[in-house]
Amino acid sequence: MISRRLPKPGLRNIDGILLYLEHAGPYLSTLTPVDRVVSSELSEEGQLIEVLDFPFYGRALYIEHIAMLSLYDEFIYHETLVHPTLLTVERPERVLIIGGGDGGALREVLKHPVDSVTMVELDKSVIDLVRKHIPEVPSGAFEDERLNLVIGDGRAFVESTKEMYDAVILDLTDPYGQAARLYTKEFYEKVRGILRDGGLMVTHSTGLHINRHTFQRIYRTIRDVFQKHAVARAYIPSFTDEWTFTYASDYAVPTDVPRDMLERRFEERRLAGRTKYYSPRVHYSLFQHPVFVEEIMKEEVRPSTDRDPATIGEE
């Protein structure tokens, strides 16, 4: 968990200026000026959910004092999570999203010609607050007839479902508390079991630098479960780090898709002009890493398991 060396996170009034203190990692906190507290409430699941207006990032969503998104850069995260995944699949018909209550990943998935999307979100309050205060993020996605919304535990759903999916998108809170159960070897093995032939999984795997060891453990675990894997990086200003996305499959990952095929699928699905960050030109650069990052990915670390899950703030 977060080191006790850091002060308690949340709203602070310093010299008459309203600031938000967030723990970015075990040894780093950020202080960001706040224009307005739009909403702050404890959900039925016991989570503190805050909607804040910032002068630079615009409106932002925080859960348990951790930034989930800001209007300034949420598209970087959601587009990187979704489009390399679905463009790797020849015809993605059935998609499963675990988490994603802000609707951003759902919005991007629905830009593809999918037949159905099942979304499993634990805390309905997240959906309700986003629809009320940040509707720009889902952009009507929750009203799409292709959506099957399930309010419940994502792990329990994966362990009990009889359905098979072309893609499983894990759009989760960071690994801490109950969410850590969604980053373990046992869970990834269950996800692997509900993927159709040719299907793949993607998860965000935390920040590369500030929570490096957590990323390493998640990546190591995925390598142990799946035959193929690839890691993308994208700098997300409101997350104060280069964010990592790990893709896994027994068939193909985004780095396996030939350029001409990628460009053809992008065009056929009419994605041109509908993304702000991702494009076939950007695609391969997401997976190009400097030498020191390649070394980080090769380091031997212990896998994340139910008995010893990876958590943010590990040293």
C-alpha atoms as a PDB file:
ATOM      1  CA  MET A   1       0.000   0.000   0.000  1.00  0.00           C
ATOM      2  CA  ILE A   2       0.974   3.662  -0.135  1.00  0.00           C
ATOM      3  CA  SER A   3       3.917   4.465   2.132  1.00  0.00           C
ATOM      4  CA  ARG A   4       3.187   6.192   5.426  1.00  0.00           C
ATOM      5  CA  ARG A   5       5.953   8.646   4.620  1.00  0.00           C
ATOM      6  CA  LEU A   6       3.402  10.609   2.623  1.00  0.00           C
ATOM      7  CA  PRO A   7       0.658  12.806   4.117  1.00  0.00           C
ATOM      8  CA  LYS A   8      -3.023  11.926   3.899  1.00  0.00           C
ATOM      9  CA  PRO A   9      -4.390  12.526   0.377  1.00  0.00           C
ATOM     10  CA  GLY A  10      -7.352  14.691  -0.557  1.00  0.00           C
ATOM     11  CA  LEU A  11      -8.372  18.340  -0.504  1.00  0.00           C
ATOM     12  CA  ARG A  12      -6.054  20.830   1.188  1.00  0.00           C
ATOM     13  CA  ASN A  13      -6.279  24.560   1.787  1.00  0.00           C
ATOM     14  CA  ILE A  14      -2.778  26.011   1.708  1.00  0.00           C
ATOM     15  CA  ASP A  15      -2.298  29.783   1.898  1.00  0.00           C
ATOM     16  CA  GLY A  16      -5.919  30.252   0.923  1.00  0.00           C
ATOM     17  CA  ILE A  17      -5.575  28.101  -2.212  1.00  0.00           C
ATOM     18  CA  LEU A  18      -7.676  24.948  -2.580  1.00  0.00           C
ATOM     19  CA  LEU A  19      -5.402  22.093  -3.669  1.00  0.00           C
ATOM     20  CA  TYR A  20      -5.774  18.361  -4.211  1.00  0.00           C
ATOM     21  CA  LEU A  21      -3.049  16.100  -2.867  1.00  0.00           C
ATOM     22  CA  GLU A  22      -2.746  12.757  -4.636  1.00  0.00           C
ATOM     23  CA  HIS A  23      -0.254   9.970  -4.001  1.00  0.00           C
ATOM     24  CA  ALA A  24       1.242   9.146  -7.394  1.00  0.00           C
ATOM     25  CA  GLY A  25       3.485   6.460  -5.899  1.00  0.00           C
ATOM     26  CA  PRO A  26       5.259   5.416  -2.703  1.00  0.00           C
ATOM     27  CA  TYR A  27       7.581   8.441  -2.733  1.00  0.00           C
ATOM     28  CA  LEU A  28       5.753  11.011  -4.841  1.00  0.00           C
ATOM     29  CA  SER A  29       2.667  13.158  -4.311  1.00  0.00           C
ATOM     30  CA  THR A  30       1.168  15.876  -6.485  1.00  0.00           C
ATOM     31  CA  LEU A  31      -0.578  19.093  -5.452  1.00  0.00           C
ATOM     32  CA  THR A  32      -2.990  20.414  -8.058  1.00  0.00           C
ATOM     33  CA  PRO A  33      -5.034  23.637  -7.752  1.00  0.00           C
ATOM     34  CA  VAL A  34      -8.791  23.032  -7.663  1.00  0.00           C
ATOM     35  CA  ASP A  35     -11.362  25.399  -9.157  1.00  0.00           C
ATOM     36  CA  ARG A  36     -14.425  23.658  -7.758  1.00  0.00           C
ATOM     37  CA  VAL A  37     -15.613  20.532  -5.966  1.00  0.00           C
ATOM     38  CA  VAL A  38     -18.506  19.401  -8.151  1.00  0.00           C
ATOM     39  CA  SER A  39     -19.435  16.304  -6.159  1.00  0.00           C
ATOM     40  CA  SER A  40     -18.035  14.289  -3.268  1.00  0.00           C
ATOM     41  CA  GLU A  41     -19.907  11.305  -1.916  1.00  0.00           C
ATOM     42  CA  LEU A  42     -19.520   7.850  -0.449  1.00  0.00           C
ATOM     43  CA  SER A  43     -21.042   5.219  -2.716  1.00  0.00           C
ATOM     44  CA  GLU A  44     -23.100   2.231  -1.611  1.00  0.00           C
ATOM     45  CA  GLU A  45     -19.957   0.145  -2.152  1.00  0.00           C
ATOM     46  CA  GLY A  46     -18.135   2.339   0.350  1.00  0.00           C
ATOM     47  CA  GLN A  47     -15.945   4.155  -2.160  1.00  0.00           C
ATOM     48  CA  LEU A  48     -15.253   7.879  -1.965  1.00  0.00           C
ATOM     49  CA  ILE A  49     -16.077   9.246  -5.426  1.00  0.00           C
ATOM     50  CA  GLU A  50     -15.160  12.834  -6.216  1.00  0.00           C
ATOM     51  CA  VAL A  51     -15.748  14.986  -9.295  1.00  0.00           C
ATOM     52  CA  LEU A  52     -13.496  18.047  -9.374  1.00  0.00           C
ATOM     53  CA  ASP A  53     -12.820  20.946 -11.735  1.00  0.00           C
ATOM     54  CA  PHE A  54      -9.160  21.814 -12.310  1.00  0.00           C
ATOM     55  CA  PRO A  55      -7.862  24.878 -14.185  1.00  0.00           C
ATOM     56  CA  PHE A  56      -5.572  22.733 -16.370  1.00  0.00           C
ATOM     57  CA  TYR A  57      -7.068  19.221 -16.555  1.00  0.00           C
ATOM     58  CA  GLY A  58     -10.683  20.354 -16.626  1.00  0.00           C
ATOM     59  CA  ARG A  59     -13.253  18.111 -14.991  1.00  0.00           C
ATOM     60  CA  ALA A  60     -11.832  14.971 -13.397  1.00  0.00           C
ATOM     61  CA  LEU A  61     -13.013  11.844 -11.609  1.00  0.00           C
ATOM     62  CA  TYR A  62     -11.289  10.503  -8.482  1.00  0.00           C
ATOM     63  CA  ILE A  63     -12.028   7.290  -6.616  1.00  0.00           C
ATOM     64  CA  GLU A  64     -10.489   6.831  -3.194  1.00  0.00           C
ATOM     65  CA  HIS A  65      -8.212   9.831  -3.855  1.00  0.00           C
ATOM     66  CA  ILE A  66      -6.794   8.332  -7.061  1.00  0.00           C
ATOM     67  CA  ALA A  67      -7.308   9.975 -10.455  1.00  0.00           C
ATOM     68  CA  MET A  68      -9.463   7.875 -12.761  1.00  0.00           C
ATOM     69  CA  LEU A  69      -9.690  10.342 -15.649  1.00  0.00           C
ATOM     70  CA  SER A  70      -9.661  13.963 -16.688  1.00  0.00           C
ATOM     71  CA  LEU A  71     -11.319  15.523 -19.711  1.00  0.00           C
ATOM     72  CA  TYR A  72      -7.926  16.858 -20.770  1.00  0.00           C
ATOM     73  CA  ASP A  73      -6.413  13.460 -21.574  1.00  0.00           C
ATOM     74  CA  GLU A  74      -8.843  10.570 -20.938  1.00  0.00           C
ATOM     75  CA  PHE A  75      -8.935   9.805 -24.671  1.00  0.00           C
ATOM     76  CA  ILE A  76      -5.241   8.853 -24.606  1.00  0.00           C
ATOM     77  CA  TYR A  77      -5.932   6.134 -22.054  1.00  0.00           C
ATOM     78  CA  HIS A  78      -9.180   4.818 -23.510  1.00  0.00           C
ATOM     79  CA  GLU A  79      -8.081   4.798 -27.142  1.00  0.00           C
ATOM     80  CA  THR A  80      -4.824   3.010 -26.325  1.00  0.00           C
ATOM     81  CA  LEU A  81      -6.695   0.458 -24.245  1.00  0.00           C
ATOM     82  CA  VAL A  82      -9.309  -0.343 -26.885  1.00  0.00           C
ATOM     83  CA  HIS A  83      -8.209   0.186 -30.488  1.00  0.00           C
ATOM     84  CA  PRO A  84      -4.995  -1.870 -30.639  1.00  0.00           C
ATOM     85  CA  THR A  85      -7.024  -4.666 -29.037  1.00  0.00           C
ATOM     86  CA  LEU A  86     -10.025  -4.699 -31.353  1.00  0.00           C
ATOM     87  CA  LEU A  87      -8.025  -4.031 -34.516  1.00  0.00           C
ATOM     88  CA  THR A  88      -6.018  -7.181 -33.781  1.00  0.00           C
ATOM     89  CA  VAL A  89      -9.218  -9.252 -33.968  1.00  0.00           C
ATOM     90  CA  GLU A  90     -10.451  -9.937 -37.503  1.00  0.00           C
ATOM     91  CA  ARG A  91     -14.121  -9.566 -36.595  1.00  0.00           C
ATOM     92  CA  PRO A  92     -14.763  -8.652 -32.968  1.00  0.00           C
ATOM     93  CA  GLU A  93     -18.372  -9.625 -32.319  1.00  0.00           C
ATOM     94  CA  ARG A  94     -18.588 -10.087 -28.547  1.00  0.00           C
ATOM     95  CA  VAL A  95     -16.619  -7.910 -26.144  1.00  0.00           C
ATOM     96  CA  LEU A  96     -16.420  -8.029 -22.357  1.00  0.00           C
ATOM     97  CA  ILE A  97     -15.393  -4.992 -20.316  1.00  0.00           C
ATOM     98  CA  ILE A  98     -14.609  -5.484 -16.636  1.00  0.00           C
ATOM     99  CA  GLY A  99     -14.820  -2.167 -14.805  1.00  0.00           C
ATOM    100  CA  GLY A 100     -14.948   0.913 -16.974  1.00  0.00           C
ATOM    101  CA  GLY A 101     -17.761   2.636 -15.092  1.00  0.00           C
ATOM    102  CA  ASP A 102     -16.830   6.009 -16.581  1.00  0.00           C
ATOM    103  CA  GLY A 103     -17.941   4.749 -20.009  1.00  0.00           C
ATOM    104  CA  GLY A 104     -14.818   5.838 -21.892  1.00  0.00           C
ATOM    105  CA  ALA A 105     -13.719   2.345 -22.923  1.00  0.00           C
ATOM    106  CA  LEU A 106     -17.306   1.478 -23.820  1.00  0.00           C
ATOM    107  CA  ARG A 107     -17.494   4.577 -26.010  1.00  0.00           C
ATOM    108  CA  GLU A 108     -14.410   3.485 -27.956  1.00  0.00           C
ATOM    109  CA  VAL A 109     -15.519  -0.159 -28.275  1.00  0.00           C
ATOM    110  CA  LEU A 110     -18.829   0.920 -29.778  1.00  0.00           C
ATOM    111  CA  LYS A 111     -16.990   2.683 -32.599  1.00  0.00           C
ATOM    112  CA  HIS A 112     -16.246  -0.821 -33.916  1.00  0.00           C
ATOM    113  CA  PRO A 113     -18.944  -2.967 -35.598  1.00  0.00           C
ATOM    114  CA  VAL A 114     -19.376  -5.235 -32.563  1.00  0.00           C
ATOM    115  CA  ASP A 115     -22.574  -7.216 -32.040  1.00  0.00           C
ATOM    116  CA  SER A 116     -22.662  -6.938 -28.254  1.00  0.00           C
ATOM    117  CA  VAL A 117     -20.720  -5.553 -25.317  1.00  0.00           C
ATOM    118  CA  THR A 118     -21.099  -6.897 -21.793  1.00  0.00           C
ATOM    119  CA  MET A 119     -19.842  -4.491 -19.164  1.00  0.00           C
ATOM    120  CA  VAL A 120     -19.463  -5.544 -15.538  1.00  0.00           C
ATOM    121  CA  GLU A 121     -19.091  -2.654 -13.108  1.00  0.00           C
ATOM    122  CA  LEU A 122     -19.024  -3.171  -9.354  1.00  0.00           C
ATOM    123  CA  ASP A 123     -20.159   0.302  -8.301  1.00  0.00           C
ATOM    124  CA  LYS A 124     -23.217   1.719 -10.069  1.00  0.00           C
ATOM    125  CA  SER A 125     -22.566   5.073  -8.409  1.00  0.00           C
ATOM    126  CA  VAL A 126     -19.589   5.595 -10.721  1.00  0.00           C
ATOM    127  CA  ILE A 127     -21.850   5.266 -13.766  1.00  0.00           C
ATOM    128  CA  ASP A 128     -24.531   7.501 -12.265  1.00  0.00           C
ATOM    129  CA  LEU A 129     -22.110  10.273 -11.287  1.00  0.00           C
ATOM    130  CA  VAL A 130     -20.343  10.260 -14.644  1.00  0.00           C
ATOM    131  CA  ARG A 131     -23.623  10.399 -16.555  1.00  0.00           C
ATOM    132  CA  LYS A 132     -24.676  13.322 -14.375  1.00  0.00           C
ATOM    133  CA  HIS A 133     -21.456  15.330 -14.133  1.00  0.00           C
ATOM    134  CA  ILE A 134     -19.135  14.203 -16.992  1.00  0.00           C
ATOM    135  CA  PRO A 135     -21.457  13.028 -19.787  1.00  0.00           C
ATOM    136  CA  GLU A 136     -18.825  13.943 -22.386  1.00  0.00           C
ATOM    137  CA  VAL A 137     -16.919  10.769 -21.489  1.00  0.00           C
ATOM    138  CA  PRO A 138     -19.552   8.097 -22.231  1.00  0.00           C
ATOM    139  CA  SER A 139     -21.114  10.294 -24.950  1.00  0.00           C
ATOM    140  CA  GLY A 140     -24.342   8.295 -24.897  1.00  0.00           C
ATOM    141  CA  ALA A 141     -22.632   4.893 -24.808  1.00  0.00           C
ATOM    142  CA  PHE A 142     -24.777   3.650 -21.919  1.00  0.00           C
ATOM    143  CA  GLU A 143     -27.875   4.076 -24.092  1.00  0.00           C
ATOM    144  CA  ASP A 144     -26.535   1.917 -26.926  1.00  0.00           C
ATOM    145  CA  GLU A 145     -28.729  -1.144 -27.541  1.00  0.00           C
ATOM    146  CA  ARG A 146     -25.664  -3.366 -27.939  1.00  0.00           C
ATOM    147  CA  LEU A 147     -24.761  -2.909 -24.264  1.00  0.00           C
ATOM    148  CA  ASN A 148     -25.526  -5.536 -21.638  1.00  0.00           C
ATOM    149  CA  LEU A 149     -24.755  -3.783 -18.346  1.00  0.00           C
ATOM    150  CA  VAL A 150     -24.140  -5.967 -15.310  1.00  0.00           C
ATOM    151  CA  ILE A 151     -23.709  -4.442 -11.859  1.00  0.00           C
ATOM    152  CA  GLY A 152     -21.601  -6.865  -9.890  1.00  0.00           C
ATOM    153  CA  ASP A 153     -18.192  -8.309  -9.120  1.00  0.00           C
ATOM    154  CA  GLY A 154     -16.033  -8.652 -12.229  1.00  0.00           C
ATOM    155  CA  ARG A 155     -14.061 -11.609 -11.010  1.00  0.00           C
ATOM    156  CA  ALA A 156     -17.175 -13.519  -9.988  1.00  0.00           C
ATOM    157  CA  PHE A 157     -18.637 -12.848 -13.433  1.00  0.00           C
ATOM    158  CA  VAL A 158     -15.563 -14.169 -15.241  1.00  0.00           C
ATOM    159  CA  GLU A 159     -15.471 -17.246 -13.047  1.00  0.00           C
ATOM    160  CA  SER A 160     -19.133 -18.088 -13.610  1.00  0.00           C
ATOM    161  CA  THR A 161     -19.942 -17.033 -17.192  1.00  0.00           C
ATOM    162  CA  LYS A 162     -20.532 -19.642 -19.872  1.00  0.00           C
ATOM    163  CA  GLU A 163     -20.083 -17.101 -22.670  1.00  0.00           C
ATOM    164  CA  MET A 164     -16.995 -16.758 -24.846  1.00  0.00           C
ATOM    165  CA  TYR A 165     -15.603 -13.420 -26.013  1.00  0.00           C
ATOM    166  CA  ASP A 166     -13.424 -12.069 -28.802  1.00  0.00           C
ATOM    167  CA  ALA A 167     -11.862  -9.523 -26.465  1.00  0.00           C
ATOM    168  CA  VAL A 168     -11.759  -8.971 -22.723  1.00  0.00           C
ATOM    169  CA  ILE A 169     -10.905  -5.405 -21.718  1.00  0.00           C
ATOM    170  CA  LEU A 170      -9.887  -4.912 -18.095  1.00  0.00           C
ATOM    171  CA  ASP A 171     -10.515  -1.230 -17.372  1.00  0.00           C
ATOM    172  CA  LEU A 172      -9.869  -1.365 -13.665  1.00  0.00           C
ATOM    173  CA  THR A 173      -8.943   0.798 -10.739  1.00  0.00           C
ATOM    174  CA  ASP A 174      -5.312   0.440  -9.716  1.00  0.00           C
ATOM    175  CA  PRO A 175      -4.386  -2.784  -7.910  1.00  0.00           C
ATOM    176  CA  TYR A 176      -5.177  -2.168  -4.272  1.00  0.00           C
ATOM    177  CA  GLY A 177      -7.790  -3.603  -1.940  1.00  0.00           C
ATOM    178  CA  GLN A 178     -10.391  -5.763  -3.690  1.00  0.00           C
ATOM    179  CA  ALA A 179      -9.179  -4.656  -7.131  1.00  0.00           C
ATOM    180  CA  ALA A 180      -5.867  -6.476  -6.580  1.00  0.00           C
ATOM    181  CA  ARG A 181      -7.796  -9.748  -7.171  1.00  0.00           C
ATOM    182  CA  LEU A 182      -8.152  -8.701 -10.816  1.00  0.00           C
ATOM    183  CA  TYR A 183      -4.396  -8.672 -11.435  1.00  0.00           C
ATOM    184  CA  THR A 184      -3.447 -12.197 -10.372  1.00  0.00           C
ATOM    185  CA  LYS A 185      -2.382 -15.377 -12.127  1.00  0.00           C
ATOM    186  CA  GLU A 186      -5.541 -17.170 -11.044  1.00  0.00           C
ATOM    187  CA  PHE A 187      -7.742 -14.436 -12.512  1.00  0.00           C
ATOM    188  CA  TYR A 188      -5.835 -14.213 -15.797  1.00  0.00           C
ATOM    189  CA  GLU A 189      -6.187 -17.973 -16.197  1.00  0.00           C
ATOM    190  CA  LYS A 190      -9.964 -17.587 -15.911  1.00  0.00           C
ATOM    191  CA  VAL A 191      -9.927 -14.775 -18.483  1.00  0.00           C
ATOM    192  CA  ARG A 192      -7.898 -16.951 -20.843  1.00  0.00           C
ATOM    193  CA  GLY A 193     -10.582 -19.618 -20.528  1.00  0.00           C
ATOM    194  CA  ILE A 194     -13.377 -17.353 -21.829  1.00  0.00           C
ATOM    195  CA  LEU A 195     -11.542 -16.099 -24.920  1.00  0.00           C
ATOM    196  CA  ARG A 196     -12.583 -17.428 -28.302  1.00  0.00           C
ATOM    197  CA  ASP A 197      -9.994 -18.644 -30.784  1.00  0.00           C
ATOM    198  CA  GLY A 198      -8.177 -15.556 -32.014  1.00  0.00           C
ATOM    199  CA  GLY A 199      -9.274 -13.492 -29.024  1.00  0.00           C
ATOM    200  CA  LEU A 200      -7.161 -11.441 -26.680  1.00  0.00           C
ATOM    201  CA  MET A 201      -7.143  -9.617 -23.361  1.00  0.00           C
ATOM    202  CA  VAL A 202      -5.852  -6.194 -22.426  1.00  0.00           C
ATOM    203  CA  THR A 203      -5.314  -4.612 -19.032  1.00  0.00           C
ATOM    204  CA  HIS A 204      -3.795  -1.348 -17.948  1.00  0.00           C
ATOM    205  CA  SER A 205      -0.734  -2.321 -15.931  1.00  0.00           C
ATOM    206  CA  THR A 206      -0.049   0.896 -13.951  1.00  0.00           C
ATOM    207  CA  GLY A 207       2.591   3.549 -14.420  1.00  0.00           C
ATOM    208  CA  LEU A 208       5.976   2.490 -15.691  1.00  0.00           C
ATOM    209  CA  HIS A 209       8.182   4.616 -13.458  1.00  0.00           C
ATOM    210  CA  ILE A 210       6.450   5.554 -10.222  1.00  0.00           C
ATOM    211  CA  ASN A 211       5.021   2.056  -9.641  1.00  0.00           C
ATOM    212  CA  ARG A 212       7.637   0.166 -11.635  1.00  0.00           C
ATOM    213  CA  HIS A 213       7.686  -2.962  -9.477  1.00  0.00           C
ATOM    214  CA  THR A 214       3.912  -3.298  -9.658  1.00  0.00           C
ATOM    215  CA  PHE A 215       4.065  -3.095 -13.457  1.00  0.00           C
ATOM    216  CA  GLN A 216       6.829  -5.686 -13.546  1.00  0.00           C
ATOM    217  CA  ARG A 217       4.831  -8.136 -11.446  1.00  0.00           C
ATOM    218  CA  ILE A 218       1.687  -7.735 -13.554  1.00  0.00           C
ATOM    219  CA  TYR A 219       3.644  -8.169 -16.783  1.00  0.00           C
ATOM    220  CA  ARG A 220       5.502 -11.197 -15.412  1.00  0.00           C
ATOM    221  CA  THR A 221       2.199 -12.802 -14.405  1.00  0.00           C
ATOM    222  CA  ILE A 222       0.638 -12.301 -17.824  1.00  0.00           C
ATOM    223  CA  ARG A 223       3.726 -13.800 -19.474  1.00  0.00           C
ATOM    224  CA  ASP A 224       3.264 -16.894 -17.308  1.00  0.00           C
ATOM    225  CA  VAL A 225      -0.362 -17.364 -18.428  1.00  0.00           C
ATOM    226  CA  PHE A 226      -0.466 -16.434 -22.128  1.00  0.00           C
ATOM    227  CA  GLN A 227       1.683 -17.523 -25.041  1.00  0.00           C
ATOM    228  CA  LYS A 228       1.877 -14.046 -26.581  1.00  0.00           C
ATOM    229  CA  HIS A 229       2.119 -10.642 -24.941  1.00  0.00           C
ATOM    230  CA  ALA A 230       2.962  -7.043 -25.767  1.00  0.00           C
ATOM    231  CA  VAL A 231       3.259  -3.815 -23.794  1.00  0.00           C
ATOM    232  CA  ALA A 232       2.303  -0.325 -24.998  1.00  0.00           C
ATOM    233  CA  ARG A 233       3.272   2.958 -23.357  1.00  0.00           C
ATOM    234  CA  ALA A 234       1.515   6.305 -23.466  1.00  0.00           C
ATOM    235  CA  TYR A 235       2.237   9.369 -21.391  1.00  0.00           C
ATOM    236  CA  ILE A 236      -0.898  10.573 -19.599  1.00  0.00           C
ATOM    237  CA  PRO A 237      -0.333  13.948 -17.919  1.00  0.00           C
ATOM    238  CA  SER A 238      -3.040  13.625 -15.272  1.00  0.00           C
ATOM    239  CA  PHE A 239      -1.574  10.248 -14.214  1.00  0.00           C
ATOM    240  CA  THR A 240       1.906  11.805 -13.805  1.00  0.00           C
ATOM    241  CA  ASP A 241       3.577   8.909 -15.600  1.00  0.00           C
ATOM    242  CA  GLU A 242       3.994   6.885 -18.741  1.00  0.00           C
ATOM    243  CA  TRP A 243       1.071   4.490 -18.497  1.00  0.00           C
ATOM    244  CA  THR A 244       1.417   0.864 -19.518  1.00  0.00           C
ATOM    245  CA  PHE A 245      -1.052  -1.399 -21.294  1.00  0.00           C
ATOM    246  CA  THR A 246      -0.413  -5.128 -21.497  1.00  0.00           C
ATOM    247  CA  TYR A 247      -2.060  -7.204 -24.237  1.00  0.00           C
ATOM    248  CA  ALA A 248      -2.149 -10.997 -24.099  1.00  0.00           C
ATOM    249  CA  SER A 249      -3.340 -13.855 -26.277  1.00  0.00           C
ATOM    250  CA  ASP A 250      -2.532 -17.374 -27.385  1.00  0.00           C
ATOM    251  CA  TYR A 251      -3.021 -16.292 -31.007  1.00  0.00           C
ATOM    252  CA  ALA A 252      -1.959 -12.733 -31.858  1.00  0.00           C
ATOM    253  CA  VAL A 253      -1.221  -9.441 -30.112  1.00  0.00           C
ATOM    254  CA  PRO A 254      -1.178  -5.952 -31.640  1.00  0.00           C
ATOM    255  CA  THR A 255       2.482  -6.144 -32.637  1.00  0.00           C
ATOM    256  CA  ASP A 256       1.671  -9.127 -34.887  1.00  0.00           C
ATOM    257  CA  VAL A 257      -0.774  -7.261 -37.141  1.00  0.00           C
ATOM    258  CA  PRO A 258       0.760  -6.324 -40.543  1.00  0.00           C
ATOM    259  CA  ARG A 259       0.574  -2.635 -41.375  1.00  0.00           C
ATOM    260  CA  ASP A 260      -1.570  -3.081 -44.487  1.00  0.00           C
ATOM    261  CA  MET A 261      -4.091  -5.172 -42.536  1.00  0.00           C
ATOM    262  CA  LEU A 262      -4.174  -2.652 -39.682  1.00  0.00           C
ATOM    263  CA  GLU A 263      -4.774   0.236 -42.068  1.00  0.00           C
ATOM    264  CA  ARG A 264      -7.472  -1.696 -43.929  1.00  0.00           C
ATOM    265  CA  ARG A 265      -9.357  -2.557 -40.748  1.00  0.00           C
ATOM    266  CA  PHE A 266      -9.061   1.018 -39.501  1.00  0.00           C
ATOM    267  CA  GLU A 267     -10.565   2.267 -42.763  1.00  0.00           C
ATOM    268  CA  GLU A 268     -13.261  -0.417 -43.021  1.00  0.00           C
ATOM    269  CA  ARG A 269     -14.454   0.341 -39.508  1.00  0.00           C
ATOM    270  CA  ARG A 270     -14.627   4.053 -40.343  1.00  0.00           C
ATOM    271  CA  LEU A 271     -12.423   5.083 -37.453  1.00  0.00           C
ATOM    272  CA  ALA A 272     -10.655   7.883 -39.334  1.00  0.00           C
ATOM    273  CA  GLY A 273     -11.612  11.225 -37.823  1.00  0.00           C
ATOM    274  CA  ARG A 274     -13.195   9.550 -34.791  1.00  0.00           C
ATOM    275  CA  THR A 275     -10.059   9.271 -32.638  1.00  0.00           C
ATOM    276  CA  LYS A 276      -7.957  11.992 -31.034  1.00  0.00           C
ATOM    277  CA  TYR A 277      -4.814  10.026 -30.188  1.00  0.00           C
ATOM    278  CA  TYR A 278      -4.717   6.626 -31.835  1.00  0.00           C
ATOM    279  CA  SER A 279      -4.103   5.962 -35.520  1.00  0.00           C
ATOM    280  CA  PRO A 280      -2.327   3.276 -37.559  1.00  0.00           C
ATOM    281  CA  ARG A 281       0.638   5.684 -37.744  1.00  0.00           C
ATOM    282  CA  VAL A 282       0.844   5.787 -33.948  1.00  0.00           C
ATOM    283  CA  HIS A 283       0.127   2.066 -33.449  1.00  0.00           C
ATOM    284  CA  TYR A 284       3.612   0.611 -33.784  1.00  0.00           C
ATOM    285  CA  SER A 285       5.312   3.440 -31.927  1.00  0.00           C
ATOM    286  CA  LEU A 286       3.287   2.528 -28.831  1.00  0.00           C
ATOM    287  CA  PHE A 287       5.191  -0.741 -28.657  1.00  0.00           C
ATOM    288  CA  GLN A 288       8.710   0.603 -29.288  1.00  0.00           C
ATOM    289  CA  HIS A 289      10.682   0.836 -26.050  1.00  0.00           C
ATOM    290  CA  PRO A 290      14.049   2.323 -25.147  1.00  0.00           C
ATOM    291  CA  VAL A 291      16.756  -0.024 -23.909  1.00  0.00           C
ATOM    292  CA  PHE A 292      16.230   0.679 -20.212  1.00  0.00           C
ATOM    293  CA  VAL A 293      12.519  -0.170 -20.495  1.00  0.00           C
ATOM    294  CA  GLU A 294      13.344  -3.422 -22.270  1.00  0.00           C
ATOM    295  CA  GLU A 295      15.641  -4.226 -19.356  1.00  0.00           C
ATOM    296  CA  ILE A 296      12.889  -3.421 -16.848  1.00  0.00           C
ATOM    297  CA  MET A 297      10.611  -5.867 -18.657  1.00  0.00           C
ATOM    298  CA  LYS A 298      13.267  -8.607 -18.505  1.00  0.00           C
ATOM    299  CA  GLU A 299      13.962  -8.345 -14.771  1.00  0.00           C
ATOM    300  CA  GLU A 300      12.888 -11.393 -12.794  1.00  0.00           C
ATOM    301  CA  VAL A 301      10.216 -10.625 -10.219  1.00  0.00           C
ATOM    302  CA  ARG A 302       7.683 -12.774  -8.424  1.00  0.00           C
ATOM    303  CA  PRO A 303       4.296 -13.198 -10.111  1.00  0.00           C
ATOM    304  CA  SER A 304       1.085 -11.729  -8.743  1.00  0.00           C
ATOM    305  CA  THR A 305      -1.078 -14.423  -7.151  1.00  0.00           C
ATOM    306  CA  ASP A 306      -4.184 -14.562  -5.003  1.00  0.00           C
ATOM    307  CA  ARG A 307      -1.990 -15.223  -1.975  1.00  0.00           C
ATOM    308  CA  ASP A 308       0.507 -12.499  -2.891  1.00  0.00           C
ATOM    309  CA  PRO A 309      -1.151  -9.968  -5.223  1.00  0.00           C
ATOM    310  CA  ALA A 310       0.675  -7.041  -6.812  1.00  0.00           C
ATOM    311  CA  THR A 311      -0.408  -3.725  -5.313  1.00  0.00           C
ATOM    312  CA  ILE A 312       0.435  -0.115  -6.035  1.00  0.00           C
ATOM    313  CA  GLY A 313       3.007   1.424  -3.733  1.00  0.00           C
ATOM    314  CA  GLU A 314       5.220  -1.670  -3.680  1.00  0.00           C
ATOM    315  CA  GLU A 315       8.914  -0.940  -3.255  1.00  0.00           C
END
